Structure formats: C-alpha cells, structure tokens
Amino acid sequence: MLLGALIAACSLVAVAQSARGVITGIVKDPSGAIVPGVDITITDKASGVTTHSVTTDAGVYRAPYMPPATYKITAALTGFKTALADNVDVLLGQTVTIDFTLEVGQVSEQVTVSAQAPLLETSSSEIGINSTEKEVHTWPILVGDGTRQLQDFIFRSMPGTNGSTFEGTINGGQAYSHEILIDGITIGRYDLNGGSNNEFTATMDAVSEFKLQTGSLSAQYGNTQTALVNFGLKSGSNDYHGTAFWFHRDKNLNANSWGNNTFGNPKSPFLDNNGGATFGGPIRIPHVYNGKDKTHFFVSYEIERFKDQSISGTRNNMPISAFRKGDFSRLLDPAFTGNSASGTVVGQDVLGRNVIFGQIYDSSTSRLVGSTWVRDPYPGNIIPSSKISAETLRVLKHDIPLPQFDTFLRNALRAGAGQPILNIDN
C-alpha cells in the first residue's frame, strides 16, 4: 500500500499541492506607497525550514504550497526596520494574508506586526470546517479494515454529514460523490466515484489536521461533485517526537446480544487489539549529514489483530489446502460450494462435450474450432504441479493463512491488518 501511495504521489504532483496553504500580502511604506523588492523570509517554527519571496513591482508577495504549520515571517529592505509577524498559523487549504507597513530605520531594528487570521474567508467562495489535531484525536473513532477509520470522524461529528465511512453523504449529495485527499493525493475508490477510502487510509495518529470543504470549490479540485475531505499528515520537526497507542476490546468488556440473551446463549468469542506508533524528527547521519532545518522524516505504523467467531462476524475467503496444491475437484461438490448447480451439466461446447458448472479449463489448450474458441478441461479439476510456479507456491504457503472452516466462502476469521506510512520532507 505504501508503494502504491508513493507511485500515486509521483503521478499527482499538481493535485498534491491542494493539501498546502498560501501566504500572501502587500508591503507598504509609512505613506501608504507600495514597496517593491522587499525580502520576505518565512520560517517554519517547528522544522526551521525557510521559504523566501520578494515583493513585486506592485508590492505583493506570495508563497504558495506552504505545509500547514506555525510560521515566523520577516520583511526586510535597506533603509527600513525589519518587520516581523510571529506565530502565523496556516491551516489546510487556507490562504493567509499578512500585510506589512515598513518603518524608516535600520534593517537591524525590528518592528513586530500583529498577525491575526480573518474571521471570514475572503480569498475563495468555498465553505470549510477545519479541525485541529487535538479535535481529531479526542473523538471516538471506529476501528475497521486494520486501522481506525479517518472518515468516521467526519460522519459522527461534522454538520451536514450523514451515513458512515463506507457509504456517507455530505450536504445532501449522492453517496460516494465527495473526494478524499490525504496530503493532496486522491485515495478514494473510483469504482465508487471516490467517496470511500476503505482500501487505503492513514494512521489516525499521523493526521495533523483535517478540513471538510464544501460550497463552490476551486478548479484545482476537479474530481468532486459535492465536497472535499482533506487530511494533512504530520511532518518531522527539529526535535524528535513520537507517540504510541493501544486499544483493547474483548467479550468481557461487551454486553451480550439481545439474541443470545433471549435463547440463553453465552457471549460469542471476540477479541480486537488495535495499536501502533509514530516517530519523527530531523534526518541525521553522524559525521556525514545533519538534517536540522532542512530534511525531516515522519513514520507511522498501525496494526489490528482481530478475532470474532460470532455468526455475524466479519470473515474472509481463503483458499483451502487442496486449492493451494492445484486440486479444485471440490468445486464440483455442491455440499462444499453451497451451490446446487456445482458439478451439474449446464450445456455443451462446440465439440459436443459437456460443460460442467465449476469445471476449470487449461488456457494453454485454447484454439479455434470453426469460429468458436474452445479449451480442454483439467481432468478431475486438478492442475498438474508442473504448471504451478514455485514462487506462487511459496506465497500461498507463507503469506496467505489457511481457513478455519471447511467451506468455500467466508471460511476464515478476519485476523486484522497493518498500515505503514513514511514521509520525508526536504
């Protein structure tokens, strides 16, 4: 999944910038005249990374693609005191305007400018609700598909939302019609028009902030109909920081179901452990490289171990032992497949041979008979070992667990999954 995310990041560079903010403003002198050529230095207070800009002939500066963070901004020009705007917060997808009025004096002198975020968004017509890291992390989040589900926060707390993480609607729109971005990368399932992220998500502790964007969205968001769900991930700073977490649930902590109580049955076996950790900071190689103020990393990993043996519990489909050896004869057995058609004749091919429901065929024998393609069935529904690659056998043996039940479908308890993420910023 991480490799897929990295590939997506390479192919969606333009879109990825939508996870960033913009800092802009105008610089004037005491008389109100615009001042061109002013050096603007913007410093991320956590990582020490600096961004430079220069005011244009119209006295305007603009720093796009700024990661959400708290910044210090200085405006300097010979003949004027250096102006400082400190603790400027840039949120996800936000444009922040910081104007300066320079005072005559020495560059070494400094004047502090009051920098406050506007109460009303005037740079675009979109409507946005920003949630901080603290808000996101204190809300109870549903665990599913190996990790706490990011969108669960939206559909349980945000106004105008309805439904669940898999099939939710925003502002009365159609299900799946919103777009999901993680650090600017579109990760929604587009077989469902984008509104579900159950195939890939991020560790909850890796989220720095979140923004739900509705209204008239910018043209940079070209893949959405009703709303944009925008998550920003944490980055490393000049100090090493990390978190660790563990959530535990079992049958002893749960109430028995109404059905079990009615029929006098005990609680079904149930166990769910969800844990993980995050860590980030500057990249340092002793005596070789010091990434302070330059290069930082942030890594996170979340894992779930799950066991539910209730009738309604989530189960997966895993190949039985015989299938792993190429023996698919039980596909012809209706008692195994649960389908009465298995093993019965459903027609004839162009050669007059019976076509049996559940029969598998040898693709290497494909040939044209007249104008019709035919293939030969594997005798006994068994693939010879000579046609199974050694690599496939190794994967089946070591990477795919055996089922717990002797059925064709829903034969394995969901065991859980893991979710790794690595960010490197330079």
Protein backbone atom coordinates (compact mmCIF):
# COMPACT_ATOMS: atom_id res chain seq x y z
CA MET A 1 0.00 0.00 0.00
CA LEU A 2 2.86 2.35 0.81
CA LEU A 3 4.40 1.69 -2.62
CA GLY A 4 1.05 2.44 -4.23
CA ALA A 5 0.85 5.71 -2.32
CA LEU A 6 4.35 6.68 -3.43
CA ILE A 7 3.51 5.93 -7.08
CA ALA A 8 0.34 7.96 -6.77
CA ALA A 9 2.32 10.82 -5.28
CA CYS A 10 4.62 10.89 -8.32
CA SER A 11 1.73 10.94 -10.79
CA LEU A 12 -0.37 13.54 -8.97
CA VAL A 13 2.13 16.24 -8.19
CA ALA A 14 -0.18 19.05 -9.27
CA VAL A 15 -3.08 17.76 -7.23
CA ALA A 16 -0.91 17.18 -4.18
CA GLN A 17 -0.39 20.89 -3.74
CA SER A 18 -4.05 21.21 -2.66
CA ALA A 19 -3.03 19.91 0.77
CA ARG A 20 -0.95 23.04 1.28
CA GLY A 21 -1.76 26.64 2.18
CA VAL A 22 -0.77 30.04 0.78
CA ILE A 23 0.78 33.06 2.49
CA THR A 24 0.42 36.36 0.68
CA GLY A 25 0.30 40.09 1.37
CA ILE A 26 1.22 43.64 0.39
CA VAL A 27 4.15 45.71 1.73
CA LYS A 28 3.81 49.48 2.02
CA ASP A 29 5.85 52.36 3.46
CA PRO A 30 4.57 54.81 6.12
CA SER A 31 2.95 57.00 3.44
CA GLY A 32 0.96 54.07 2.08
CA ALA A 33 3.01 53.67 -1.10
CA ILE A 34 3.80 50.15 -2.22
CA VAL A 35 7.36 48.91 -1.72
CA PRO A 36 8.86 46.55 -4.34
CA GLY A 37 11.97 44.41 -3.84
CA VAL A 38 11.35 43.60 -0.15
CA ASP A 39 12.91 40.35 1.01
CA ILE A 40 10.28 38.12 2.65
CA THR A 41 11.54 35.23 4.78
CA ILE A 42 9.04 32.66 6.04
CA THR A 43 10.29 30.17 8.65
CA ASP A 44 8.50 27.06 9.88
CA LYS A 45 8.90 27.38 13.65
CA ALA A 46 8.89 23.61 14.22
CA SER A 47 11.20 22.40 11.46
CA GLY A 48 13.28 25.55 10.86
CA VAL A 49 12.75 25.26 7.09
CA THR A 50 12.72 28.68 5.40
CA THR A 51 10.93 29.90 2.27
CA HIS A 52 11.93 33.12 0.50
CA SER A 53 9.91 35.55 -1.59
CA VAL A 54 10.38 39.08 -2.94
CA THR A 55 7.67 41.69 -3.39
CA THR A 56 6.76 42.52 -6.98
CA ASP A 57 6.51 45.98 -8.56
CA ALA A 58 3.00 46.05 -7.10
CA GLY A 59 4.40 45.42 -3.61
CA VAL A 60 2.83 41.97 -3.47
CA TYR A 61 4.48 38.79 -2.26
CA ARG A 62 3.07 35.26 -2.46
CA ALA A 63 4.33 31.97 -1.05
CA PRO A 64 2.26 29.04 -2.33
CA TYR A 65 2.41 25.36 -1.37
CA MET A 66 3.10 26.04 2.31
CA PRO A 67 2.59 22.99 4.57
CA PRO A 68 0.14 23.54 7.45
CA ALA A 69 2.27 24.86 10.32
CA THR A 70 3.03 27.88 12.50
CA TYR A 71 5.35 30.38 10.81
CA LYS A 72 7.50 33.42 11.53
CA ILE A 73 7.55 35.98 8.69
CA THR A 74 10.01 38.84 8.28
CA ALA A 75 10.06 41.67 5.71
CA ALA A 76 13.45 43.38 5.23
CA LEU A 77 14.72 46.16 2.96
CA THR A 78 17.68 48.54 3.29
CA GLY A 79 16.57 51.85 4.80
CA PHE A 80 13.67 50.32 6.74
CA LYS A 81 13.31 48.49 10.01
CA THR A 82 12.74 44.74 9.68
CA ALA A 83 9.06 43.91 10.18
CA LEU A 84 8.16 40.68 11.97
CA ALA A 85 4.89 38.73 12.04
CA ASP A 86 5.21 35.85 14.51
CA ASN A 87 3.07 32.78 15.21
CA VAL A 88 1.22 32.84 11.90
CA ASP A 89 -0.91 29.72 11.65
CA VAL A 90 -1.53 28.27 8.18
CA LEU A 91 -4.27 25.67 8.07
CA LEU A 92 -5.02 23.02 5.46
CA GLY A 93 -6.09 24.58 2.15
CA GLN A 94 -6.10 28.10 3.63
CA THR A 95 -4.87 31.38 2.14
CA VAL A 96 -3.44 33.67 4.85
CA THR A 97 -2.92 37.38 4.14
CA ILE A 98 -0.22 39.18 6.15
CA ASP A 99 0.38 42.80 5.14
CA PHE A 100 3.35 44.85 6.32
CA THR A 101 3.92 48.59 6.76
CA LEU A 102 7.65 49.27 6.93
CA GLU A 103 9.04 52.00 9.18
CA VAL A 104 12.09 54.04 8.28
CA GLY A 105 15.18 52.92 10.16
CA GLN A 106 18.00 50.39 10.22
CA VAL A 107 17.47 46.82 8.99
CA SER A 108 18.89 45.63 12.31
CA GLU A 109 15.95 47.23 14.10
CA GLN A 110 12.77 45.18 14.32
CA VAL A 111 9.08 46.03 14.45
CA THR A 112 6.50 43.38 15.37
CA VAL A 113 3.33 43.27 13.29
CA SER A 114 0.10 41.86 14.73
CA ALA A 115 -0.92 38.86 12.65
CA GLN A 116 -4.42 37.51 13.14
CA ALA A 117 -6.38 35.13 10.94
CA PRO A 118 -9.51 36.75 9.41
CA LEU A 119 -12.86 35.61 10.79
CA LEU A 120 -14.30 35.42 7.26
CA GLU A 121 -12.73 33.61 4.28
CA THR A 122 -12.44 36.25 1.57
CA SER A 123 -9.99 34.62 -0.84
CA SER A 124 -12.44 31.97 -2.15
CA SER A 125 -16.16 31.14 -2.18
CA GLU A 126 -15.76 27.71 -0.62
CA ILE A 127 -17.06 26.84 2.84
CA GLY A 128 -14.61 24.99 5.07
CA ILE A 129 -14.56 23.46 8.53
CA ASN A 130 -11.08 22.95 9.95
CA SER A 131 -10.41 20.51 12.78
CA THR A 132 -7.19 20.55 14.74
CA GLU A 133 -5.09 17.53 15.69
CA LYS A 134 -6.49 17.61 19.22
CA GLU A 135 -10.09 17.57 17.99
CA VAL A 136 -9.48 14.71 15.59
CA HIS A 137 -7.66 12.55 18.14
CA THR A 138 -10.10 13.04 21.03
CA TRP A 139 -13.14 11.88 19.05
CA PRO A 140 -14.03 8.15 19.40
CA ILE A 141 -13.06 6.54 16.09
CA LEU A 142 -14.35 3.24 14.70
CA VAL A 143 -11.73 0.54 14.04
CA GLY A 144 -12.10 -1.31 10.75
CA ASP A 145 -10.00 -2.77 7.91
CA GLY A 146 -6.91 -2.83 10.11
CA THR A 147 -6.94 0.74 11.37
CA ARG A 148 -9.07 3.48 12.88
CA GLN A 149 -11.17 4.87 10.04
CA LEU A 150 -10.42 8.50 9.22
CA GLN A 151 -13.82 9.26 7.75
CA ASP A 152 -15.60 8.00 10.86
CA PHE A 153 -14.65 11.33 12.45
CA ILE A 154 -16.50 13.18 9.69
CA PHE A 155 -19.77 11.27 9.72
CA ARG A 156 -20.03 11.27 13.51
CA SER A 157 -19.17 14.89 14.21
CA MET A 158 -19.40 17.22 11.19
CA PRO A 159 -22.58 19.19 10.42
CA GLY A 160 -24.27 18.35 7.13
CA THR A 161 -22.98 14.77 7.03
CA ASN A 162 -24.96 11.55 7.12
CA GLY A 163 -24.14 7.85 6.91
CA SER A 164 -20.91 6.02 7.57
CA THR A 165 -17.31 5.73 6.44
CA PHE A 166 -18.22 3.39 3.58
CA GLU A 167 -21.42 4.98 2.31
CA GLY A 168 -21.84 8.52 3.56
CA THR A 169 -23.30 11.69 2.10
CA ILE A 170 -22.39 15.34 2.63
CA ASN A 171 -24.81 18.26 2.33
CA GLY A 172 -27.47 16.02 0.83
CA GLY A 173 -25.30 14.85 -2.08
CA GLN A 174 -25.14 11.38 -3.51
CA ALA A 175 -23.27 8.61 -1.73
CA TYR A 176 -19.57 8.37 -2.72
CA SER A 177 -19.76 11.75 -4.51
CA HIS A 178 -17.15 13.51 -2.36
CA GLU A 179 -13.41 13.40 -2.93
CA ILE A 180 -10.88 12.23 -0.32
CA LEU A 181 -7.36 13.67 -0.18
CA ILE A 182 -4.51 12.61 2.09
CA ASP A 183 -1.64 15.10 1.80
CA GLY A 184 -3.14 16.16 -1.52
CA ILE A 185 -3.21 12.64 -3.00
CA THR A 186 -6.58 11.34 -4.11
CA ILE A 187 -7.12 8.00 -2.39
CA GLY A 188 -10.85 7.37 -2.84
CA ARG A 189 -12.14 4.25 -4.60
CA TYR A 190 -13.12 5.40 -8.07
CA ASP A 191 -15.14 2.29 -8.76
CA LEU A 192 -17.37 4.01 -6.18
CA ASN A 193 -16.83 7.51 -7.61
CA GLY A 194 -14.23 8.30 -4.97
CA GLY A 195 -16.21 8.60 -1.75
CA SER A 196 -14.84 5.54 0.08
CA ASN A 197 -11.31 5.12 1.43
CA ASN A 198 -11.64 1.59 2.83
CA GLU A 199 -8.87 0.32 0.52
CA PHE A 200 -6.28 2.77 1.84
CA THR A 201 -6.20 5.08 4.80
CA ALA A 202 -3.67 6.70 7.10
CA THR A 203 -2.85 6.08 10.73
CA MET A 204 -5.01 8.34 12.89
CA ASP A 205 -2.01 9.46 14.96
CA ALA A 206 -0.30 10.55 11.74
CA VAL A 207 -3.00 13.14 10.98
CA SER A 208 -2.04 16.74 11.81
CA GLU A 209 -5.34 18.32 10.84
CA PHE A 210 -8.45 17.92 8.73
CA LYS A 211 -10.68 20.14 6.63
CA LEU A 212 -14.14 19.49 5.22
CA GLN A 213 -14.58 21.73 2.19
CA THR A 214 -17.96 22.41 0.58
CA GLY A 215 -19.58 25.16 -1.47
CA SER A 216 -18.03 26.41 -4.72
CA LEU A 217 -14.70 24.59 -4.72
CA SER A 218 -11.61 25.80 -6.54
CA ALA A 219 -10.88 24.47 -10.03
CA GLN A 220 -7.89 22.58 -8.62
CA TYR A 221 -10.40 20.13 -7.15
CA GLY A 222 -11.63 18.74 -10.43
CA ASN A 223 -12.77 15.29 -9.34
CA THR A 224 -15.50 16.05 -6.83
CA GLN A 225 -19.21 16.81 -7.01
CA THR A 226 -20.33 17.82 -3.54
CA ALA A 227 -17.48 18.12 -1.06
CA LEU A 228 -13.82 17.58 -0.38
CA VAL A 229 -12.48 15.63 2.59
CA ASN A 230 -8.93 16.88 3.08
CA PHE A 231 -6.46 15.29 5.54
CA GLY A 232 -2.99 16.61 6.27
CA LEU A 233 -0.30 14.30 7.65
CA LYS A 234 2.32 15.22 10.22
CA SER A 235 5.88 16.04 9.23
CA GLY A 236 9.09 15.75 11.18
CA SER A 237 10.43 18.75 13.10
CA ASN A 238 13.81 19.73 14.52
CA ASP A 239 13.05 17.76 17.69
CA TYR A 240 12.41 14.04 17.87
CA HIS A 241 8.85 13.27 18.86
CA GLY A 242 6.77 10.11 18.89
CA THR A 243 3.55 8.59 20.14
CA ALA A 244 2.37 5.07 20.94
CA PHE A 245 -1.13 3.77 21.47
CA TRP A 246 -3.04 0.55 22.14
CA PHE A 247 -6.80 -0.10 22.19
CA HIS A 248 -8.19 -3.37 23.51
CA ARG A 249 -11.67 -4.89 23.32
CA ASP A 250 -12.86 -8.38 24.24
CA LYS A 251 -16.09 -10.21 25.06
CA ASN A 252 -15.71 -9.49 28.78
CA LEU A 253 -15.98 -5.77 28.06
CA ASN A 254 -19.03 -6.14 25.79
CA ALA A 255 -22.67 -6.69 26.67
CA ASN A 256 -24.28 -9.87 25.36
CA SER A 257 -26.51 -9.53 22.31
CA TRP A 258 -30.29 -9.49 22.59
CA GLY A 259 -30.48 -12.74 20.61
CA ASN A 260 -28.01 -14.56 22.87
CA ASN A 261 -29.86 -13.39 25.97
CA THR A 262 -33.19 -14.50 24.52
CA PHE A 263 -32.02 -18.04 23.83
CA GLY A 264 -29.74 -18.32 26.85
CA ASN A 265 -26.52 -18.37 24.83
CA PRO A 266 -23.21 -17.03 26.16
CA LYS A 267 -21.24 -14.22 24.57
CA SER A 268 -19.51 -15.13 21.31
CA PRO A 269 -15.68 -15.21 21.41
CA PHE A 270 -14.42 -11.76 20.45
CA LEU A 271 -11.02 -10.08 20.62
CA ASP A 272 -9.84 -6.86 18.97
CA ASN A 273 -6.45 -5.20 19.56
CA ASN A 274 -5.52 -2.02 17.73
CA GLY A 275 -2.12 -0.42 18.31
CA GLY A 276 0.67 1.49 16.71
CA ALA A 277 3.28 4.18 16.99
CA THR A 278 4.60 7.30 15.27
CA PHE A 279 8.05 8.90 15.28
CA GLY A 280 9.61 11.85 13.51
CA GLY A 281 12.47 14.32 13.56
CA PRO A 282 15.49 15.52 11.57
CA ILE A 283 17.45 13.04 9.48
CA ARG A 284 20.94 12.76 10.92
CA ILE A 285 23.87 10.64 9.77
CA PRO A 286 26.74 11.11 12.27
CA HIS A 287 29.76 12.91 10.75
CA VAL A 288 28.01 12.87 7.34
CA TYR A 289 24.75 14.83 7.33
CA ASN A 290 22.67 16.93 9.71
CA GLY A 291 19.12 17.48 8.51
CA LYS A 292 18.19 20.08 11.14
CA ASP A 293 16.36 23.00 9.45
CA LYS A 294 16.48 21.02 6.17
CA THR A 295 15.49 17.37 5.97
CA HIS A 296 12.98 15.65 8.24
CA PHE A 297 11.17 12.34 8.39
CA PHE A 298 7.97 11.06 9.94
CA VAL A 299 6.99 7.41 10.11
CA SER A 300 3.85 5.77 11.47
CA TYR A 301 2.53 2.24 11.74
CA GLU A 302 -0.83 0.96 12.90
CA ILE A 303 -1.85 -2.68 13.29
CA GLU A 304 -5.01 -4.54 14.20
CA ARG A 305 -5.39 -8.11 15.46
CA PHE A 306 -8.99 -9.24 15.33
CA LYS A 307 -10.94 -12.37 16.24
CA ASP A 308 -14.74 -12.64 16.01
CA GLN A 309 -16.38 -16.06 15.95
CA SER A 310 -19.96 -14.82 16.09
CA ILE A 311 -22.33 -15.85 13.29
CA SER A 312 -22.44 -12.28 12.00
CA GLY A 313 -18.71 -11.72 12.46
CA THR A 314 -16.57 -10.50 9.58
CA ARG A 315 -14.99 -13.35 7.64
CA ASN A 316 -12.66 -13.57 4.67
CA ASN A 317 -12.33 -16.06 1.83
CA MET A 318 -9.12 -18.08 1.90
CA PRO A 319 -8.04 -20.96 -0.38
CA ILE A 320 -8.29 -24.37 1.28
CA SER A 321 -5.25 -26.65 1.43
CA ALA A 322 -6.29 -28.64 -1.67
CA PHE A 323 -6.62 -25.47 -3.77
CA ARG A 324 -3.05 -24.49 -2.91
CA LYS A 325 -1.85 -27.75 -4.50
CA GLY A 326 -3.89 -27.23 -7.65
CA ASP A 327 -6.70 -29.60 -6.67
CA PHE A 328 -10.03 -27.88 -7.39
CA SER A 329 -12.15 -31.03 -7.51
CA ARG A 330 -14.31 -29.80 -4.61
CA LEU A 331 -15.64 -27.00 -6.82
CA LEU A 332 -17.82 -29.75 -8.32
CA ASP A 333 -19.26 -30.66 -4.90
CA PRO A 334 -22.46 -28.74 -4.03
CA ALA A 335 -22.09 -29.66 -0.34
CA PHE A 336 -18.79 -27.73 -0.30
CA THR A 337 -19.69 -24.76 -2.52
CA GLY A 338 -23.19 -24.30 -1.17
CA ASN A 339 -24.47 -24.11 -4.78
CA SER A 340 -26.72 -26.90 -6.03
CA ALA A 341 -25.55 -26.30 -9.61
CA SER A 342 -21.97 -27.33 -8.81
CA GLY A 343 -20.96 -30.46 -10.74
CA THR A 344 -24.05 -30.41 -12.96
CA VAL A 345 -24.11 -30.18 -16.75
CA VAL A 346 -25.09 -26.72 -17.93
CA GLY A 347 -24.52 -27.18 -21.69
CA GLN A 348 -22.21 -28.47 -24.40
CA ASP A 349 -19.29 -26.88 -26.19
CA VAL A 350 -18.82 -26.80 -29.96
CA LEU A 351 -17.16 -30.25 -29.81
CA GLY A 352 -20.22 -31.73 -28.10
CA ARG A 353 -18.51 -32.09 -24.73
CA ASN A 354 -20.45 -31.43 -21.55
CA VAL A 355 -19.83 -28.08 -19.87
CA ILE A 356 -19.94 -28.63 -16.11
CA PHE A 357 -20.62 -25.89 -13.57
CA GLY A 358 -17.43 -25.40 -11.55
CA GLN A 359 -15.13 -27.02 -14.11
CA ILE A 360 -11.78 -25.26 -14.70
CA TYR A 361 -10.03 -25.22 -18.07
CA ASP A 362 -6.45 -25.23 -19.35
CA SER A 363 -5.85 -21.89 -21.07
CA SER A 364 -2.79 -23.29 -22.88
CA THR A 365 -5.11 -25.52 -24.93
CA SER A 366 -7.17 -22.62 -26.30
CA ARG A 367 -7.85 -22.99 -30.02
CA LEU A 368 -10.35 -22.03 -32.69
CA VAL A 369 -12.85 -24.66 -33.83
CA GLY A 370 -14.56 -23.02 -36.75
CA SER A 371 -15.29 -19.55 -35.41
CA THR A 372 -15.51 -20.57 -31.73
CA TRP A 373 -12.77 -20.69 -29.14
CA VAL A 374 -12.57 -23.86 -27.04
CA ARG A 375 -10.32 -25.12 -24.24
CA ASP A 376 -9.80 -28.50 -22.67
CA PRO A 377 -10.87 -29.11 -19.05
CA TYR A 378 -8.35 -30.20 -16.48
CA PRO A 379 -9.04 -33.89 -15.74
CA GLY A 380 -10.64 -34.21 -12.33
CA ASN A 381 -10.44 -30.40 -11.98
CA ILE A 382 -6.80 -30.76 -10.90
CA ILE A 383 -4.00 -28.54 -12.23
CA PRO A 384 -0.76 -30.55 -12.68
CA SER A 385 2.04 -29.44 -10.36
CA SER A 386 4.25 -28.82 -13.40
CA LYS A 387 2.00 -25.87 -14.32
CA ILE A 388 2.23 -24.17 -10.90
CA SER A 389 5.19 -21.84 -10.36
CA ALA A 390 7.43 -22.30 -7.34
CA GLU A 391 7.00 -18.60 -6.46
CA THR A 392 3.23 -18.99 -6.32
CA LEU A 393 3.55 -22.00 -4.04
CA ARG A 394 5.87 -20.07 -1.69
CA VAL A 395 3.43 -17.15 -1.47
CA LEU A 396 0.50 -19.47 -0.80
CA LYS A 397 2.46 -21.32 1.88
CA HIS A 398 3.98 -18.42 3.79
CA ASP A 399 1.89 -15.30 3.08
CA ILE A 400 -1.73 -16.47 2.92
CA PRO A 401 -3.18 -18.11 6.05
CA LEU A 402 -5.26 -21.28 5.96
CA PRO A 403 -9.02 -21.02 6.60
CA GLN A 404 -10.55 -22.06 9.93
CA PHE A 405 -13.74 -23.51 8.39
CA ASP A 406 -14.23 -26.19 5.72
CA THR A 407 -16.42 -24.10 3.43
CA PHE A 408 -15.91 -22.43 0.07
CA LEU A 409 -16.87 -18.90 1.14
CA ARG A 410 -16.49 -16.98 4.44
CA ASN A 411 -14.16 -19.66 5.71
CA ALA A 412 -11.60 -17.55 7.59
CA LEU A 413 -11.88 -15.21 10.53
CA ARG A 414 -10.66 -11.70 9.81
CA ALA A 415 -7.27 -11.52 11.52
CA GLY A 416 -6.56 -7.81 11.01
CA ALA A 417 -4.08 -5.78 9.01
CA GLY A 418 -1.32 -3.19 9.24
CA GLN A 419 -0.83 0.31 7.81
CA PRO A 420 2.67 1.83 7.34
CA ILE A 421 3.37 5.42 6.21
CA LEU A 422 6.67 7.23 5.70
CA ASN A 423 7.06 10.97 5.00
CA ILE A 424 10.36 12.60 4.09
CA ASP A 425 10.45 16.39 3.67
CA ASN A 426 13.39 18.31 2.31
